[in-house]
Amino acid sequence: MLFHGRGADEHDLFPLLDALDPGRRLVGATPRGPLSLPPGGAHWYVLGGIGTPEAATFNASFAAASEWLDGFLAEHSLGHDRLVVGGFSQGGVMAYSLGLGPGRPRPAAIVAFSSFMPTVEGFELDLAPPLPPLAIGHGTLDPVIGVEWGRQAREALEGVGAQVLYRETPMYHQIDPEFVRDVSDWLGPLIPPRG
């Protein structure tokens, strides 16, 4: 499950599904953010600042995405133990939230590209162990969400015992194709066989 970034749409990360799962062992989906905001495209929440999504729109999107995700898994007879939830930028915020949100079942893995762990009034990530393995990739030249946000996430997660695959790349607000290949290899043994 891949969640797109601010101002993109459900087609933006669709090609990554094959890159992350070239053997097509998984069912993939790329939902569309529910908000239409300037400067265009779809959004998951109104910007409240880097690190702090605006609470009302974030909470509404989190609730809608949770319901949609749980319905999608049920429709395909899949458990959360086979779920990889990932995203880019705002979509990475949604991945952290859906994978570590209060009361949410733990997925098999979380992947966050150029993103941050959110701080939202009335919402708190559940960082109680055991945590799922996480992959975090961030550009050291990212002018939109600075690399320090990726470093902070890695530090916080490793600090509570999470297994984190972390990569910094000298690039801007984008996804490193080489890291995608590494994440694909890393995901292989994390997903239990269907049965």
N, C-alpha and C. Protein backbone atom coordinates (compact mmCIF):
# COMPACT_ATOMS: atom_id res chain seq x y z
N MET A 1 0.85 -1.16 0.00
CA MET A 1 0.00 0.00 0.00
C MET A 1 0.91 1.23 0.00
N LEU A 2 0.82 2.04 -1.03
CA LEU A 2 1.68 3.22 -1.13
C LEU A 2 0.83 4.49 -1.19
N PHE A 3 1.16 5.45 -0.35
CA PHE A 3 0.44 6.72 -0.26
C PHE A 3 1.29 7.83 -0.87
N HIS A 4 0.69 8.56 -1.81
CA HIS A 4 1.40 9.59 -2.56
C HIS A 4 1.67 10.84 -1.72
N GLY A 5 2.49 11.70 -2.26
CA GLY A 5 2.82 12.96 -1.60
C GLY A 5 1.84 14.08 -1.92
N ARG A 6 2.07 15.22 -1.32
CA ARG A 6 1.22 16.40 -1.47
C ARG A 6 1.16 16.85 -2.93
N GLY A 7 -0.07 17.06 -3.41
CA GLY A 7 -0.25 17.59 -4.74
C GLY A 7 -0.11 16.57 -5.86
N ALA A 8 0.05 15.30 -5.52
CA ALA A 8 0.14 14.25 -6.54
C ALA A 8 -1.21 13.53 -6.61
N ASP A 9 -1.20 12.27 -7.01
CA ASP A 9 -2.45 11.51 -7.05
C ASP A 9 -2.13 10.03 -6.95
N GLU A 10 -3.16 9.20 -7.09
CA GLU A 10 -3.00 7.76 -6.90
C GLU A 10 -2.12 7.11 -7.96
N HIS A 11 -1.85 7.78 -9.06
CA HIS A 11 -1.01 7.22 -10.12
C HIS A 11 0.48 7.47 -9.88
N ASP A 12 0.80 8.41 -9.01
CA ASP A 12 2.18 8.86 -8.84
C ASP A 12 3.13 7.74 -8.43
N LEU A 13 2.76 6.95 -7.44
CA LEU A 13 3.66 5.90 -6.94
C LEU A 13 3.34 4.52 -7.50
N PHE A 14 2.36 4.45 -8.39
CA PHE A 14 1.95 3.14 -8.91
C PHE A 14 3.12 2.35 -9.50
N PRO A 15 4.04 2.98 -10.26
CA PRO A 15 5.17 2.22 -10.81
C PRO A 15 6.08 1.60 -9.73
N LEU A 16 6.06 2.18 -8.53
CA LEU A 16 6.89 1.63 -7.46
C LEU A 16 6.40 0.26 -6.99
N LEU A 17 5.13 -0.04 -7.22
CA LEU A 17 4.62 -1.34 -6.79
C LEU A 17 5.41 -2.48 -7.43
N ASP A 18 5.65 -2.38 -8.73
CA ASP A 18 6.45 -3.41 -9.41
C ASP A 18 7.91 -3.36 -8.99
N ALA A 19 8.43 -2.17 -8.75
CA ALA A 19 9.83 -2.05 -8.34
C ALA A 19 10.05 -2.65 -6.95
N LEU A 20 9.08 -2.49 -6.06
CA LEU A 20 9.22 -3.03 -4.71
C LEU A 20 8.88 -4.52 -4.64
N ASP A 21 8.06 -4.98 -5.56
CA ASP A 21 7.62 -6.37 -5.55
C ASP A 21 7.70 -6.94 -6.98
N PRO A 22 8.92 -7.08 -7.52
CA PRO A 22 9.05 -7.52 -8.91
C PRO A 22 8.50 -8.92 -9.16
N GLY A 23 8.44 -9.76 -8.12
CA GLY A 23 7.88 -11.09 -8.28
C GLY A 23 6.36 -11.12 -8.19
N ARG A 24 5.77 -9.96 -7.94
CA ARG A 24 4.31 -9.82 -7.83
C ARG A 24 3.70 -10.84 -6.87
N ARG A 25 4.33 -10.94 -5.69
CA ARG A 25 3.79 -11.82 -4.65
C ARG A 25 2.66 -11.14 -3.89
N LEU A 26 2.60 -9.81 -3.97
CA LEU A 26 1.67 -9.03 -3.15
C LEU A 26 0.58 -8.40 -3.99
N VAL A 27 -0.51 -8.03 -3.33
CA VAL A 27 -1.55 -7.22 -3.95
C VAL A 27 -1.19 -5.78 -3.65
N GLY A 28 -1.10 -4.94 -4.67
CA GLY A 28 -0.68 -3.56 -4.46
C GLY A 28 -1.81 -2.58 -4.73
N ALA A 29 -1.77 -1.46 -4.02
CA ALA A 29 -2.75 -0.39 -4.25
C ALA A 29 -2.12 0.94 -3.90
N THR A 30 -2.62 1.99 -4.57
CA THR A 30 -2.13 3.35 -4.34
C THR A 30 -3.35 4.27 -4.24
N PRO A 31 -3.89 4.47 -3.05
CA PRO A 31 -5.09 5.29 -2.89
C PRO A 31 -4.82 6.78 -3.15
N ARG A 32 -5.90 7.51 -3.32
CA ARG A 32 -5.84 8.95 -3.59
C ARG A 32 -6.20 9.72 -2.32
N GLY A 33 -5.41 10.75 -2.02
CA GLY A 33 -5.73 11.62 -0.89
C GLY A 33 -7.09 12.26 -1.07
N PRO A 34 -7.84 12.50 0.01
CA PRO A 34 -9.22 12.97 -0.10
C PRO A 34 -9.39 14.47 -0.31
N LEU A 35 -8.31 15.24 -0.19
CA LEU A 35 -8.44 16.70 -0.25
C LEU A 35 -7.93 17.26 -1.57
N SER A 36 -8.63 18.25 -2.10
CA SER A 36 -8.16 19.02 -3.27
C SER A 36 -7.84 20.42 -2.79
N LEU A 37 -6.57 20.77 -2.80
CA LEU A 37 -6.11 22.05 -2.25
C LEU A 37 -5.14 22.71 -3.22
N PRO A 38 -4.97 24.03 -3.11
CA PRO A 38 -3.94 24.68 -3.90
C PRO A 38 -2.57 24.11 -3.52
N PRO A 39 -1.66 23.96 -4.42
CA PRO A 39 -1.66 24.42 -5.80
C PRO A 39 -2.28 23.42 -6.76
N GLY A 40 -2.96 22.40 -6.28
CA GLY A 40 -3.58 21.39 -7.13
C GLY A 40 -3.23 20.00 -6.67
N GLY A 41 -3.82 19.02 -7.33
CA GLY A 41 -3.57 17.64 -6.97
C GLY A 41 -4.30 17.25 -5.70
N ALA A 42 -4.01 16.06 -5.23
CA ALA A 42 -4.65 15.53 -4.03
C ALA A 42 -3.72 15.67 -2.82
N HIS A 43 -4.32 15.80 -1.66
CA HIS A 43 -3.58 16.01 -0.41
C HIS A 43 -4.17 15.12 0.67
N TRP A 44 -3.36 14.79 1.66
CA TRP A 44 -3.85 14.00 2.80
C TRP A 44 -4.25 14.90 3.96
N TYR A 45 -3.67 16.09 4.05
CA TYR A 45 -3.99 17.03 5.13
C TYR A 45 -3.52 18.42 4.73
N VAL A 46 -4.03 19.41 5.43
CA VAL A 46 -3.58 20.78 5.26
C VAL A 46 -2.25 20.93 6.00
N LEU A 47 -1.31 21.60 5.37
CA LEU A 47 -0.02 21.81 6.03
C LEU A 47 -0.21 22.67 7.27
N GLY A 48 0.33 22.18 8.37
CA GLY A 48 0.35 22.96 9.59
C GLY A 48 1.78 23.35 9.92
N GLY A 49 2.69 22.94 9.07
CA GLY A 49 4.12 23.10 9.29
C GLY A 49 4.76 21.74 9.12
N ILE A 50 6.07 21.72 8.85
CA ILE A 50 6.76 20.44 8.74
C ILE A 50 6.78 19.80 10.12
N GLY A 51 6.35 18.58 10.16
CA GLY A 51 6.29 17.85 11.43
C GLY A 51 4.94 17.93 12.11
N THR A 52 4.12 18.94 11.74
CA THR A 52 2.86 19.17 12.47
C THR A 52 1.69 19.37 11.50
N PRO A 53 1.14 18.27 10.96
CA PRO A 53 -0.04 18.41 10.11
C PRO A 53 -1.19 19.09 10.86
N GLU A 54 -2.03 19.81 10.12
CA GLU A 54 -3.20 20.45 10.72
C GLU A 54 -4.13 19.34 11.21
N ALA A 55 -4.57 19.45 12.47
CA ALA A 55 -5.24 18.35 13.17
C ALA A 55 -6.55 17.90 12.53
N ALA A 56 -7.44 18.82 12.21
CA ALA A 56 -8.78 18.41 11.74
C ALA A 56 -8.69 17.63 10.43
N THR A 57 -7.93 18.13 9.46
CA THR A 57 -7.84 17.43 8.17
C THR A 57 -7.03 16.14 8.30
N PHE A 58 -5.99 16.16 9.11
CA PHE A 58 -5.21 14.94 9.33
C PHE A 58 -6.08 13.86 9.96
N ASN A 59 -6.80 14.20 11.02
CA ASN A 59 -7.62 13.20 11.71
C ASN A 59 -8.70 12.63 10.80
N ALA A 60 -9.31 13.48 9.97
CA ALA A 60 -10.33 13.01 9.04
C ALA A 60 -9.72 12.06 8.00
N SER A 61 -8.57 12.42 7.47
CA SER A 61 -7.91 11.56 6.48
C SER A 61 -7.43 10.26 7.11
N PHE A 62 -6.92 10.35 8.33
CA PHE A 62 -6.47 9.13 9.03
C PHE A 62 -7.64 8.17 9.22
N ALA A 63 -8.78 8.69 9.65
CA ALA A 63 -9.96 7.84 9.85
C ALA A 63 -10.41 7.23 8.53
N ALA A 64 -10.48 8.04 7.46
CA ALA A 64 -10.92 7.54 6.16
C ALA A 64 -9.92 6.52 5.60
N ALA A 65 -8.64 6.80 5.72
CA ALA A 65 -7.62 5.89 5.20
C ALA A 65 -7.61 4.58 6.00
N SER A 66 -7.81 4.66 7.30
CA SER A 66 -7.88 3.45 8.13
C SER A 66 -9.03 2.57 7.69
N GLU A 67 -10.20 3.18 7.51
CA GLU A 67 -11.38 2.43 7.09
C GLU A 67 -11.17 1.81 5.71
N TRP A 68 -10.63 2.61 4.79
CA TRP A 68 -10.38 2.11 3.43
C TRP A 68 -9.37 0.96 3.45
N LEU A 69 -8.28 1.14 4.18
CA LEU A 69 -7.22 0.13 4.23
C LEU A 69 -7.75 -1.18 4.83
N ASP A 70 -8.46 -1.09 5.93
CA ASP A 70 -8.99 -2.30 6.57
C ASP A 70 -9.99 -3.00 5.64
N GLY A 71 -10.80 -2.22 4.93
CA GLY A 71 -11.74 -2.79 3.97
C GLY A 71 -11.03 -3.47 2.81
N PHE A 72 -9.97 -2.83 2.32
CA PHE A 72 -9.19 -3.40 1.22
C PHE A 72 -8.60 -4.75 1.63
N LEU A 73 -8.02 -4.81 2.82
CA LEU A 73 -7.43 -6.06 3.28
C LEU A 73 -8.49 -7.14 3.43
N ALA A 74 -9.64 -6.78 4.00
CA ALA A 74 -10.72 -7.75 4.17
C ALA A 74 -11.21 -8.26 2.82
N GLU A 75 -11.35 -7.34 1.86
CA GLU A 75 -11.82 -7.72 0.52
C GLU A 75 -10.89 -8.74 -0.14
N HIS A 76 -9.60 -8.65 0.17
CA HIS A 76 -8.61 -9.55 -0.42
C HIS A 76 -8.20 -10.68 0.52
N SER A 77 -8.94 -10.82 1.63
CA SER A 77 -8.67 -11.88 2.62
C SER A 77 -7.23 -11.86 3.10
N LEU A 78 -6.75 -10.66 3.41
CA LEU A 78 -5.38 -10.48 3.88
C LEU A 78 -5.39 -9.93 5.30
N GLY A 79 -4.43 -10.37 6.08
CA GLY A 79 -4.25 -9.83 7.42
C GLY A 79 -3.22 -8.72 7.42
N HIS A 80 -3.19 -7.94 8.49
CA HIS A 80 -2.20 -6.87 8.62
C HIS A 80 -0.77 -7.42 8.68
N ASP A 81 -0.64 -8.71 9.05
CA ASP A 81 0.69 -9.31 9.12
C ASP A 81 1.33 -9.45 7.73
N ARG A 82 0.54 -9.24 6.67
CA ARG A 82 1.07 -9.28 5.30
C ARG A 82 1.08 -7.89 4.66
N LEU A 83 0.76 -6.87 5.44
CA LEU A 83 0.67 -5.51 4.92
C LEU A 83 2.01 -4.78 4.99
N VAL A 84 2.39 -4.21 3.87
CA VAL A 84 3.49 -3.24 3.84
C VAL A 84 2.85 -1.91 3.52
N VAL A 85 2.99 -0.97 4.41
CA VAL A 85 2.41 0.35 4.21
C VAL A 85 3.56 1.34 4.02
N GLY A 86 3.48 2.11 2.94
CA GLY A 86 4.57 3.02 2.64
C GLY A 86 4.06 4.29 1.98
N GLY A 87 4.96 5.26 1.85
CA GLY A 87 4.57 6.49 1.19
C GLY A 87 5.72 7.46 1.06
N PHE A 88 5.45 8.48 0.27
CA PHE A 88 6.42 9.54 -0.01
C PHE A 88 5.89 10.85 0.55
N SER A 89 6.71 11.58 1.30
CA SER A 89 6.38 12.91 1.81
C SER A 89 5.11 12.85 2.67
N GLN A 90 4.02 13.53 2.29
CA GLN A 90 2.78 13.42 3.06
C GLN A 90 2.32 11.97 3.15
N GLY A 91 2.53 11.21 2.10
CA GLY A 91 2.16 9.80 2.12
C GLY A 91 2.96 8.99 3.12
N GLY A 92 4.22 9.39 3.35
CA GLY A 92 5.02 8.74 4.38
C GLY A 92 4.46 9.02 5.77
N VAL A 93 3.95 10.25 5.95
CA VAL A 93 3.29 10.59 7.22
C VAL A 93 2.09 9.66 7.43
N MET A 94 1.33 9.42 6.37
CA MET A 94 0.19 8.51 6.46
C MET A 94 0.66 7.08 6.75
N ALA A 95 1.78 6.67 6.15
CA ALA A 95 2.29 5.32 6.40
C ALA A 95 2.69 5.15 7.87
N TYR A 96 3.44 6.13 8.41
CA TYR A 96 3.78 6.07 9.84
C TYR A 96 2.50 6.00 10.68
N SER A 97 1.52 6.83 10.34
CA SER A 97 0.30 6.93 11.13
C SER A 97 -0.53 5.67 11.07
N LEU A 98 -0.68 5.09 9.88
CA LEU A 98 -1.48 3.87 9.74
C LEU A 98 -0.76 2.65 10.30
N GLY A 99 0.55 2.67 10.28
CA GLY A 99 1.31 1.55 10.81
C GLY A 99 1.57 1.61 12.30
N LEU A 100 1.59 2.83 12.84
CA LEU A 100 1.92 3.01 14.26
C LEU A 100 0.86 3.80 15.03
N GLY A 101 -0.28 4.05 14.41
CA GLY A 101 -1.32 4.84 15.04
C GLY A 101 -1.95 4.11 16.22
N PRO A 102 -2.54 4.87 17.14
CA PRO A 102 -3.14 4.26 18.32
C PRO A 102 -4.26 3.30 17.94
N GLY A 103 -4.18 2.08 18.45
CA GLY A 103 -5.21 1.08 18.18
C GLY A 103 -5.11 0.41 16.84
N ARG A 104 -4.14 0.80 16.01
CA ARG A 104 -3.99 0.20 14.68
C ARG A 104 -3.23 -1.12 14.79
N PRO A 105 -3.64 -2.15 14.02
CA PRO A 105 -2.86 -3.38 13.97
C PRO A 105 -1.50 -3.10 13.34
N ARG A 106 -0.48 -3.80 13.80
CA ARG A 106 0.86 -3.62 13.25
C ARG A 106 0.97 -4.27 11.88
N PRO A 107 1.56 -3.57 10.91
CA PRO A 107 1.80 -4.18 9.60
C PRO A 107 3.07 -5.02 9.63
N ALA A 108 3.34 -5.70 8.52
CA ALA A 108 4.58 -6.46 8.39
C ALA A 108 5.77 -5.51 8.30
N ALA A 109 5.59 -4.34 7.68
CA ALA A 109 6.68 -3.37 7.51
C ALA A 109 6.10 -2.00 7.14
N ILE A 110 6.92 -0.98 7.39
CA ILE A 110 6.58 0.40 7.04
C ILE A 110 7.75 0.96 6.23
N VAL A 111 7.42 1.68 5.15
CA VAL A 111 8.43 2.31 4.30
C VAL A 111 8.10 3.80 4.18
N ALA A 112 9.06 4.66 4.50
CA ALA A 112 8.84 6.10 4.44
C ALA A 112 9.95 6.76 3.62
N PHE A 113 9.55 7.41 2.53
CA PHE A 113 10.49 8.12 1.67
C PHE A 113 10.32 9.62 1.90
N SER A 114 11.40 10.32 2.26
CA SER A 114 11.40 11.78 2.38
C SER A 114 10.22 12.28 3.20
N SER A 115 10.13 11.83 4.44
CA SER A 115 8.95 12.11 5.24
C SER A 115 9.33 12.42 6.69
N PHE A 116 8.33 12.38 7.58
CA PHE A 116 8.55 12.62 9.00
C PHE A 116 7.48 11.91 9.81
N MET A 117 7.80 11.65 11.07
CA MET A 117 6.81 11.12 12.01
C MET A 117 6.02 12.32 12.53
N PRO A 118 4.68 12.29 12.39
CA PRO A 118 3.90 13.49 12.70
C PRO A 118 3.67 13.74 14.18
N THR A 119 3.55 15.02 14.49
CA THR A 119 3.09 15.46 15.80
C THR A 119 1.78 16.20 15.55
N VAL A 120 0.67 15.63 16.04
CA VAL A 120 -0.65 16.18 15.79
C VAL A 120 -1.41 16.24 17.11
N GLU A 121 -2.02 17.37 17.39
CA GLU A 121 -2.79 17.52 18.61
C GLU A 121 -3.90 16.46 18.65
N GLY A 122 -3.97 15.70 19.75
CA GLY A 122 -4.98 14.67 19.91
C GLY A 122 -4.64 13.34 19.27
N PHE A 123 -3.45 13.22 18.68
CA PHE A 123 -3.02 11.97 18.02
C PHE A 123 -1.59 11.69 18.43
N GLU A 124 -1.34 10.45 18.81
CA GLU A 124 0.03 10.11 19.20
C GLU A 124 0.38 8.73 18.65
N LEU A 125 1.52 8.64 18.00
CA LEU A 125 1.99 7.35 17.51
C LEU A 125 2.22 6.41 18.68
N ASP A 126 1.94 5.13 18.49
CA ASP A 126 2.16 4.11 19.50
C ASP A 126 3.52 3.47 19.23
N LEU A 127 4.52 3.86 20.01
CA LEU A 127 5.88 3.36 19.81
C LEU A 127 6.24 2.26 20.80
N ALA A 128 5.22 1.62 21.38
CA ALA A 128 5.48 0.52 22.30
C ALA A 128 5.94 -0.70 21.50
N PRO A 129 7.04 -1.33 21.93
CA PRO A 129 7.48 -2.53 21.24
C PRO A 129 6.46 -3.66 21.40
N PRO A 130 6.45 -4.62 20.49
CA PRO A 130 7.34 -4.70 19.34
C PRO A 130 6.84 -3.86 18.18
N LEU A 131 7.77 -3.27 17.48
CA LEU A 131 7.45 -2.46 16.31
C LEU A 131 7.76 -3.24 15.04
N PRO A 132 7.06 -2.94 13.96
CA PRO A 132 7.41 -3.59 12.69
C PRO A 132 8.74 -3.05 12.18
N PRO A 133 9.44 -3.78 11.33
CA PRO A 133 10.63 -3.24 10.70
C PRO A 133 10.26 -2.04 9.82
N LEU A 134 11.17 -1.09 9.73
CA LEU A 134 10.92 0.12 8.95
C LEU A 134 12.08 0.39 8.01
N ALA A 135 11.76 0.94 6.84
CA ALA A 135 12.77 1.42 5.89
C ALA A 135 12.53 2.91 5.72
N ILE A 136 13.59 3.69 5.88
CA ILE A 136 13.49 5.15 5.78
C ILE A 136 14.56 5.63 4.81
N GLY A 137 14.14 6.35 3.76
CA GLY A 137 15.08 6.93 2.81
C GLY A 137 14.85 8.43 2.73
N HIS A 138 15.95 9.19 2.68
CA HIS A 138 15.82 10.65 2.67
C HIS A 138 16.98 11.26 1.89
N GLY A 139 16.70 12.32 1.17
CA GLY A 139 17.74 13.06 0.45
C GLY A 139 18.42 14.07 1.36
N THR A 140 19.74 14.10 1.32
CA THR A 140 20.48 15.04 2.16
C THR A 140 20.32 16.48 1.68
N LEU A 141 19.86 16.67 0.44
CA LEU A 141 19.68 18.01 -0.12
C LEU A 141 18.21 18.41 -0.18
N ASP A 142 17.35 17.66 0.50
CA ASP A 142 15.91 17.89 0.44
C ASP A 142 15.55 19.25 1.00
N PRO A 143 15.02 20.19 0.16
CA PRO A 143 14.66 21.51 0.66
C PRO A 143 13.22 21.58 1.18
N VAL A 144 12.45 20.51 0.97
CA VAL A 144 11.04 20.51 1.37
C VAL A 144 10.88 19.95 2.78
N ILE A 145 11.40 18.76 3.00
CA ILE A 145 11.44 18.14 4.32
C ILE A 145 12.90 17.78 4.56
N GLY A 146 13.57 18.58 5.34
CA GLY A 146 15.01 18.42 5.53
C GLY A 146 15.38 17.04 6.05
N VAL A 147 16.60 16.61 5.75
CA VAL A 147 17.06 15.28 6.13
C VAL A 147 17.03 15.07 7.63
N GLU A 148 17.06 16.14 8.41
CA GLU A 148 17.01 15.97 9.87
C GLU A 148 15.74 15.26 10.32
N TRP A 149 14.65 15.38 9.53
CA TRP A 149 13.40 14.69 9.88
C TRP A 149 13.54 13.19 9.72
N GLY A 150 14.23 12.74 8.69
CA GLY A 150 14.51 11.32 8.54
C GLY A 150 15.41 10.82 9.65
N ARG A 151 16.42 11.61 10.00
CA ARG A 151 17.34 11.23 11.08
C ARG A 151 16.60 11.14 12.41
N GLN A 152 15.71 12.11 12.67
CA GLN A 152 14.94 12.09 13.92
C GLN A 152 14.07 10.84 14.00
N ALA A 153 13.44 10.47 12.89
CA ALA A 153 12.60 9.28 12.88
C ALA A 153 13.44 8.04 13.17
N ARG A 154 14.57 7.91 12.48
CA ARG A 154 15.44 6.76 12.72
C ARG A 154 15.85 6.69 14.18
N GLU A 155 16.28 7.81 14.73
CA GLU A 155 16.74 7.85 16.13
C GLU A 155 15.62 7.45 17.09
N ALA A 156 14.42 8.01 16.88
CA ALA A 156 13.30 7.70 17.77
C ALA A 156 12.92 6.23 17.69
N LEU A 157 12.89 5.69 16.48
CA LEU A 157 12.48 4.30 16.30
C LEU A 157 13.53 3.32 16.79
N GLU A 158 14.78 3.56 16.46
CA GLU A 158 15.84 2.70 16.98
C GLU A 158 15.92 2.79 18.50
N GLY A 159 15.58 3.97 19.05
CA GLY A 159 15.61 4.16 20.50
C GLY A 159 14.61 3.31 21.25
N VAL A 160 13.57 2.84 20.55
CA VAL A 160 12.58 1.95 21.18
C VAL A 160 12.70 0.53 20.63
N GLY A 161 13.83 0.22 20.00
CA GLY A 161 14.13 -1.14 19.61
C GLY A 161 13.70 -1.56 18.22
N ALA A 162 13.26 -0.63 17.38
CA ALA A 162 12.83 -1.00 16.03
C ALA A 162 14.03 -1.33 15.15
N GLN A 163 13.82 -2.26 14.22
CA GLN A 163 14.81 -2.56 13.18
C GLN A 163 14.57 -1.56 12.06
N VAL A 164 15.58 -0.73 11.75
CA VAL A 164 15.41 0.32 10.74
C VAL A 164 16.47 0.18 9.66
N LEU A 165 16.01 0.04 8.42
CA LEU A 165 16.88 0.14 7.25
C LEU A 165 16.87 1.60 6.86
N TYR A 166 18.03 2.26 6.93
CA TYR A 166 18.07 3.72 6.73
C TYR A 166 19.07 4.05 5.64
N ARG A 167 18.67 5.00 4.76
CA ARG A 167 19.58 5.44 3.71
C ARG A 167 19.42 6.92 3.46
N GLU A 168 20.54 7.62 3.44
CA GLU A 168 20.58 9.01 2.99
C GLU A 168 21.26 9.03 1.63
N THR A 169 20.73 9.85 0.73
CA THR A 169 21.27 9.96 -0.62
C THR A 169 21.43 11.44 -0.96
N PRO A 170 22.51 11.84 -1.64
CA PRO A 170 22.67 13.24 -2.00
C PRO A 170 21.73 13.64 -3.13
N MET A 171 20.45 13.80 -2.78
CA MET A 171 19.44 14.21 -3.75
C MET A 171 18.41 15.08 -3.05
N TYR A 172 17.45 15.56 -3.84
CA TYR A 172 16.46 16.50 -3.34
C TYR A 172 15.24 15.76 -2.81
N HIS A 173 14.06 16.35 -2.95
CA HIS A 173 12.82 15.75 -2.44
C HIS A 173 12.32 14.75 -3.48
N GLN A 174 12.90 13.56 -3.43
CA GLN A 174 12.62 12.54 -4.43
C GLN A 174 12.99 11.18 -3.85
N ILE A 175 12.71 10.13 -4.61
CA ILE A 175 12.96 8.77 -4.16
C ILE A 175 14.18 8.22 -4.90
N ASP A 176 15.11 7.66 -4.15
CA ASP A 176 16.33 7.08 -4.70
C ASP A 176 16.03 5.69 -5.28
N PRO A 177 16.17 5.50 -6.60
CA PRO A 177 15.87 4.19 -7.21
C PRO A 177 16.74 3.06 -6.64
N GLU A 178 17.97 3.37 -6.27
CA GLU A 178 18.83 2.33 -5.69
C GLU A 178 18.31 1.89 -4.33
N PHE A 179 17.80 2.84 -3.55
CA PHE A 179 17.23 2.48 -2.26
C PHE A 179 15.96 1.66 -2.45
N VAL A 180 15.19 1.96 -3.49
CA VAL A 180 13.99 1.15 -3.78
C VAL A 180 14.39 -0.30 -4.01
N ARG A 181 15.48 -0.54 -4.73
CA ARG A 181 15.95 -1.91 -4.95
C ARG A 181 16.36 -2.56 -3.63
N ASP A 182 17.03 -1.80 -2.79
CA ASP A 182 17.41 -2.34 -1.47
C ASP A 182 16.18 -2.67 -0.63
N VAL A 183 15.17 -1.80 -0.68
CA VAL A 183 13.94 -2.06 0.07
C VAL A 183 13.24 -3.30 -0.48
N SER A 184 13.24 -3.48 -1.77
CA SER A 184 12.64 -4.67 -2.37
C SER A 184 13.30 -5.94 -1.84
N ASP A 185 14.63 -5.96 -1.81
CA ASP A 185 15.36 -7.12 -1.27
C ASP A 185 15.06 -7.31 0.21
N TRP A 186 14.98 -6.20 0.95
CA TRP A 186 14.73 -6.23 2.39
C TRP A 186 13.33 -6.76 2.70
N LEU A 187 12.35 -6.42 1.84
CA LEU A 187 10.97 -6.85 2.07
C LEU A 187 10.78 -8.34 1.88
N GLY A 188 11.53 -8.95 0.97
CA GLY A 188 11.33 -10.36 0.63
C GLY A 188 11.08 -11.26 1.83
N PRO A 189 12.02 -11.36 2.76
CA PRO A 189 11.82 -12.28 3.89
C PRO A 189 10.86 -11.77 4.97
N LEU A 190 10.43 -10.51 4.88
CA LEU A 190 9.54 -9.96 5.92
C LEU A 190 8.08 -10.34 5.74
N ILE A 191 7.70 -10.71 4.51
CA ILE A 191 6.31 -11.01 4.23
C ILE A 191 6.10 -12.52 4.34
N PRO A 192 5.25 -12.95 5.29
CA PRO A 192 5.04 -14.40 5.42
C PRO A 192 4.30 -14.95 4.22
N PRO A 193 4.50 -16.23 3.91
CA PRO A 193 3.77 -16.82 2.80
C PRO A 193 2.27 -16.79 3.07
N ARG A 194 1.51 -16.66 2.02
CA ARG A 194 0.06 -16.64 2.17
C ARG A 194 -0.42 -18.07 2.44
N GLY A 195 -1.29 -18.21 3.40
CA GLY A 195 -1.77 -19.55 3.65
C GLY A 195 -2.57 -19.60 4.86
